Amino acid sequence: MGTVLTATDTRWSPAHFYAANGWGATAQLGALFSYWLLASGITTYRSARRVPKPTTQSQDGVVRELRMQRSMP
């Protein structure tokens, strides 16, 4: 059986598609994007844990103040 060549087959060359280091430009950008997503996810997770929780003392003060306002005529 013979091989059919088209105009795109004669112009396409793997040497122009793949990078010189063998990884390929697409794989390298994908790896960088994955590392960036990992770093931003870790940063977001760690910063969310630093939010201070309200203490019970401040909550009790708010409740007492609301009770006093309700009891006033």
C-alpha atoms as a PDB file:
ATOM      1  CA  MET A   1       0.000   0.000   0.000  1.00  0.00           C
ATOM      2  CA  GLY A   2       1.211   3.443  -0.802  1.00  0.00           C
ATOM      3  CA  THR A   3       1.311   6.416   1.526  1.00  0.00           C
ATOM      4  CA  VAL A   4      -0.750   9.467   0.706  1.00  0.00           C
ATOM      5  CA  LEU A   5       1.009  12.774   1.385  1.00  0.00           C
ATOM      6  CA  THR A   6      -0.883  16.002   1.757  1.00  0.00           C
ATOM      7  CA  ALA A   7       0.346  19.591   1.818  1.00  0.00           C
ATOM      8  CA  THR A   8       0.321  19.655   5.630  1.00  0.00           C
ATOM      9  CA  ASP A   9       2.355  16.438   5.867  1.00  0.00           C
ATOM     10  CA  THR A  10       5.233  17.880   3.892  1.00  0.00           C
ATOM     11  CA  ARG A  11       5.378  21.103   5.921  1.00  0.00           C
ATOM     12  CA  TRP A  12       5.107  19.605   9.406  1.00  0.00           C
ATOM     13  CA  SER A  13       8.353  18.603  11.057  1.00  0.00           C
ATOM     14  CA  PRO A  14       8.785  17.298  14.618  1.00  0.00           C
ATOM     15  CA  ALA A  15      11.993  19.308  14.915  1.00  0.00           C
ATOM     16  CA  HIS A  16       9.969  22.523  14.813  1.00  0.00           C
ATOM     17  CA  PHE A  17       7.389  21.265  17.320  1.00  0.00           C
ATOM     18  CA  TYR A  18       9.431  19.832  20.205  1.00  0.00           C
ATOM     19  CA  ALA A  19      11.739  21.847  22.428  1.00  0.00           C
ATOM     20  CA  ALA A  20      15.494  21.292  22.410  1.00  0.00           C
ATOM     21  CA  ASN A  21      15.521  19.921  25.964  1.00  0.00           C
ATOM     22  CA  GLY A  22      13.140  17.115  25.017  1.00  0.00           C
ATOM     23  CA  TRP A  23      10.284  18.103  27.312  1.00  0.00           C
ATOM     24  CA  GLY A  24       8.303  20.142  24.865  1.00  0.00           C
ATOM     25  CA  ALA A  25       7.095  23.662  25.492  1.00  0.00           C
ATOM     26  CA  THR A  26       3.623  22.485  26.490  1.00  0.00           C
ATOM     27  CA  ALA A  27       4.905  20.127  29.178  1.00  0.00           C
ATOM     28  CA  GLN A  28       7.165  22.771  30.657  1.00  0.00           C
ATOM     29  CA  LEU A  29       4.393  25.353  30.903  1.00  0.00           C
ATOM     30  CA  GLY A  30       2.058  22.757  32.370  1.00  0.00           C
ATOM     31  CA  ALA A  31       4.594  21.906  35.061  1.00  0.00           C
ATOM     32  CA  LEU A  32       5.118  25.573  35.929  1.00  0.00           C
ATOM     33  CA  PHE A  33       1.362  26.147  36.091  1.00  0.00           C
ATOM     34  CA  SER A  34       0.956  23.112  38.377  1.00  0.00           C
ATOM     35  CA  TYR A  35       3.648  24.363  40.750  1.00  0.00           C
ATOM     36  CA  TRP A  36       2.058  27.837  40.756  1.00  0.00           C
ATOM     37  CA  LEU A  37      -1.359  26.370  41.615  1.00  0.00           C
ATOM     38  CA  LEU A  38       0.166  24.277  44.398  1.00  0.00           C
ATOM     39  CA  ALA A  39       1.982  27.270  45.898  1.00  0.00           C
ATOM     40  CA  SER A  40      -1.068  29.536  45.746  1.00  0.00           C
ATOM     41  CA  GLY A  41      -3.254  26.828  47.296  1.00  0.00           C
ATOM     42  CA  ILE A  42      -0.854  26.295  50.185  1.00  0.00           C
ATOM     43  CA  THR A  43      -0.578  30.044  50.737  1.00  0.00           C
ATOM     44  CA  THR A  44      -4.344  30.462  50.774  1.00  0.00           C
ATOM     45  CA  TYR A  45      -4.816  27.536  53.151  1.00  0.00           C
ATOM     46  CA  ARG A  46      -2.165  28.779  55.563  1.00  0.00           C
ATOM     47  CA  SER A  47      -3.450  32.358  55.605  1.00  0.00           C
ATOM     48  CA  ALA A  48      -6.999  31.184  56.346  1.00  0.00           C
ATOM     49  CA  ARG A  49      -5.820  29.489  59.544  1.00  0.00           C
ATOM     50  CA  ARG A  50      -4.389  32.764  60.879  1.00  0.00           C
ATOM     51  CA  VAL A  51      -7.758  34.513  61.208  1.00  0.00           C
ATOM     52  CA  PRO A  52      -8.275  35.158  64.931  1.00  0.00           C
ATOM     53  CA  LYS A  53     -11.346  33.606  66.458  1.00  0.00           C
ATOM     54  CA  PRO A  54     -13.504  35.819  68.671  1.00  0.00           C
ATOM     55  CA  THR A  55     -13.003  35.181  72.356  1.00  0.00           C
ATOM     56  CA  THR A  56     -15.827  34.200  74.664  1.00  0.00           C
ATOM     57  CA  GLN A  57     -15.252  37.336  76.707  1.00  0.00           C
ATOM     58  CA  SER A  58     -16.086  39.648  73.811  1.00  0.00           C
ATOM     59  CA  GLN A  59     -19.130  37.556  72.920  1.00  0.00           C
ATOM     60  CA  ASP A  60     -20.411  37.705  76.503  1.00  0.00           C
ATOM     61  CA  GLY A  61     -20.017  41.480  76.496  1.00  0.00           C
ATOM     62  CA  VAL A  62     -22.115  41.804  73.353  1.00  0.00           C
ATOM     63  CA  VAL A  63     -24.817  39.541  74.782  1.00  0.00           C
ATOM     64  CA  ARG A  64     -24.934  41.517  78.035  1.00  0.00           C
ATOM     65  CA  GLU A  65     -25.179  44.789  76.134  1.00  0.00           C
ATOM     66  CA  LEU A  66     -28.068  43.481  74.020  1.00  0.00           C
ATOM     67  CA  ARG A  67     -29.901  42.245  77.113  1.00  0.00           C
ATOM     68  CA  MET A  68     -29.488  45.636  78.754  1.00  0.00           C
ATOM     69  CA  GLN A  69     -30.882  47.389  75.675  1.00  0.00           C
ATOM     70  CA  ARG A  70     -33.929  45.105  75.614  1.00  0.00           C
ATOM     71  CA  SER A  71     -34.668  45.614  79.301  1.00  0.00           C
ATOM     72  CA  MET A  72     -34.664  49.417  78.993  1.00  0.00           C
ATOM     73  CA  PRO A  73     -38.154  50.956  78.614  1.00  0.00           C
END
